[in-house]
Amino acid sequence: YPAWSGSPTTLSERTIRYVWLSELDKFPPFSGREADPLSLAKTRTQTFGHRRKIYAESTPTTRTGAIARAFEAANDKRRYWV
């Protein structure tokens, strides 16, 4: 079921078990009427409990974006060198 972050209606109209969130830092900001797109997508999976899967991937774009904030809030920070 495809949905996009610019439409709160498509993100909240049905329950889903698997969510793939791509390019989180480019999601539109909170509009004031609905929750932010990340919260709406996570809420749609609550019906499935421990069987749900949420995949989130993105390229960090700014220091205040979703990826940078999640990294700063993480307890385990690792760096990989290739």
C-alpha atoms as a PDB file:
ATOM      1  CA  TYR A   1       0.000   0.000   0.000  1.00  0.00           C
ATOM      2  CA  PRO A   2       1.804   3.153  -1.132  1.00  0.00           C
ATOM      3  CA  ALA A   3       1.456   6.376   0.816  1.00  0.00           C
ATOM      4  CA  TRP A   4       3.459   9.583   0.908  1.00  0.00           C
ATOM      5  CA  SER A   5       4.502  11.925   3.671  1.00  0.00           C
ATOM      6  CA  GLY A   6       2.836  14.983   2.124  1.00  0.00           C
ATOM      7  CA  SER A   7      -0.641  13.515   2.609  1.00  0.00           C
ATOM      8  CA  PRO A   8      -1.729  12.828   6.204  1.00  0.00           C
ATOM      9  CA  THR A   9      -4.852  11.127   4.868  1.00  0.00           C
ATOM     10  CA  THR A  10      -2.939   8.404   3.031  1.00  0.00           C
ATOM     11  CA  LEU A  11      -0.718   7.821   6.063  1.00  0.00           C
ATOM     12  CA  SER A  12      -3.625   7.341   8.442  1.00  0.00           C
ATOM     13  CA  GLU A  13      -6.387   5.602   6.514  1.00  0.00           C
ATOM     14  CA  ARG A  14      -5.530   1.894   7.059  1.00  0.00           C
ATOM     15  CA  THR A  15      -3.504  -0.355   9.320  1.00  0.00           C
ATOM     16  CA  ILE A  16      -0.304  -1.819   7.937  1.00  0.00           C
ATOM     17  CA  ARG A  17       2.198  -4.360   9.210  1.00  0.00           C
ATOM     18  CA  TYR A  18       5.318  -3.235   7.360  1.00  0.00           C
ATOM     19  CA  VAL A  19       6.352   0.409   6.966  1.00  0.00           C
ATOM     20  CA  TRP A  20       9.276   1.572   4.867  1.00  0.00           C
ATOM     21  CA  LEU A  21      10.186   5.201   5.522  1.00  0.00           C
ATOM     22  CA  SER A  22      12.574   6.590   2.953  1.00  0.00           C
ATOM     23  CA  GLU A  23      14.410   9.928   3.197  1.00  0.00           C
ATOM     24  CA  LEU A  24      13.083  10.990   6.608  1.00  0.00           C
ATOM     25  CA  ASP A  25      14.962  14.289   6.567  1.00  0.00           C
ATOM     26  CA  LYS A  26      12.987  15.354   3.502  1.00  0.00           C
ATOM     27  CA  PHE A  27       9.553  14.725   5.050  1.00  0.00           C
ATOM     28  CA  PRO A  28       7.456  17.890   5.339  1.00  0.00           C
ATOM     29  CA  PRO A  29       7.309  19.479   8.797  1.00  0.00           C
ATOM     30  CA  PHE A  30       4.411  19.110  11.211  1.00  0.00           C
ATOM     31  CA  SER A  31       1.418  20.932   9.738  1.00  0.00           C
ATOM     32  CA  GLY A  32      -0.385  21.707  12.998  1.00  0.00           C
ATOM     33  CA  ARG A  33      -3.566  19.855  12.019  1.00  0.00           C
ATOM     34  CA  GLU A  34      -2.213  16.303  11.985  1.00  0.00           C
ATOM     35  CA  ALA A  35       0.724  14.593  13.665  1.00  0.00           C
ATOM     36  CA  ASP A  36       4.052  14.517  11.862  1.00  0.00           C
ATOM     37  CA  PRO A  37       4.391  11.890   9.077  1.00  0.00           C
ATOM     38  CA  LEU A  38       6.752   9.675  11.107  1.00  0.00           C
ATOM     39  CA  SER A  39       4.306   9.439  14.039  1.00  0.00           C
ATOM     40  CA  LEU A  40       1.359   8.761  11.727  1.00  0.00           C
ATOM     41  CA  ALA A  41       3.203   5.918  10.010  1.00  0.00           C
ATOM     42  CA  LYS A  42       4.241   4.339  13.329  1.00  0.00           C
ATOM     43  CA  THR A  43       0.694   4.605  14.692  1.00  0.00           C
ATOM     44  CA  ARG A  44      -0.657   2.627  11.726  1.00  0.00           C
ATOM     45  CA  THR A  45       1.429  -0.407  12.798  1.00  0.00           C
ATOM     46  CA  GLN A  46       0.276  -0.610  16.438  1.00  0.00           C
ATOM     47  CA  THR A  47      -2.398  -3.206  15.625  1.00  0.00           C
ATOM     48  CA  PHE A  48       0.312  -5.764  14.836  1.00  0.00           C
ATOM     49  CA  GLY A  49       2.246  -5.358  18.107  1.00  0.00           C
ATOM     50  CA  HIS A  50       5.544  -7.274  18.167  1.00  0.00           C
ATOM     51  CA  ARG A  51       4.961  -8.582  14.617  1.00  0.00           C
ATOM     52  CA  ARG A  52       5.242  -5.150  13.021  1.00  0.00           C
ATOM     53  CA  LYS A  53       8.338  -3.983  11.163  1.00  0.00           C
ATOM     54  CA  ILE A  54       9.358  -0.371  10.665  1.00  0.00           C
ATOM     55  CA  TYR A  55      12.229   0.277   8.269  1.00  0.00           C
ATOM     56  CA  ALA A  56      13.618   3.800   8.239  1.00  0.00           C
ATOM     57  CA  GLU A  57      16.470   4.970   6.060  1.00  0.00           C
ATOM     58  CA  SER A  58      17.697   8.356   5.034  1.00  0.00           C
ATOM     59  CA  THR A  59      20.681  10.447   4.191  1.00  0.00           C
ATOM     60  CA  PRO A  60      21.293  13.021   6.946  1.00  0.00           C
ATOM     61  CA  THR A  61      20.824  16.461   5.450  1.00  0.00           C
ATOM     62  CA  THR A  62      20.974  18.870   8.404  1.00  0.00           C
ATOM     63  CA  ARG A  63      22.001  18.822  12.057  1.00  0.00           C
ATOM     64  CA  THR A  64      18.379  19.429  13.084  1.00  0.00           C
ATOM     65  CA  GLY A  65      16.834  16.758  10.840  1.00  0.00           C
ATOM     66  CA  ALA A  66      15.199  13.523  12.001  1.00  0.00           C
ATOM     67  CA  ILE A  67      18.325  11.417  11.423  1.00  0.00           C
ATOM     68  CA  ALA A  68      20.645  13.741  13.358  1.00  0.00           C
ATOM     69  CA  ARG A  69      18.151  13.986  16.245  1.00  0.00           C
ATOM     70  CA  ALA A  70      17.776  10.194  16.405  1.00  0.00           C
ATOM     71  CA  PHE A  71      21.555   9.769  16.430  1.00  0.00           C
ATOM     72  CA  GLU A  72      21.976  12.266  19.268  1.00  0.00           C
ATOM     73  CA  ALA A  73      19.245  10.529  21.289  1.00  0.00           C
ATOM     74  CA  ALA A  74      20.709   7.040  20.773  1.00  0.00           C
ATOM     75  CA  ASN A  75      22.427   5.305  23.688  1.00  0.00           C
ATOM     76  CA  ASP A  76      24.756   3.304  21.442  1.00  0.00           C
ATOM     77  CA  LYS A  77      26.723   5.334  18.905  1.00  0.00           C
ATOM     78  CA  ARG A  78      29.086   3.474  16.621  1.00  0.00           C
ATOM     79  CA  ARG A  79      31.245   4.596  13.781  1.00  0.00           C
ATOM     80  CA  TYR A  80      32.318   2.385  10.909  1.00  0.00           C
ATOM     81  CA  TRP A  81      35.381   3.041   8.810  1.00  0.00           C
ATOM     82  CA  VAL A  82      35.882   1.472   5.415  1.00  0.00           C
END
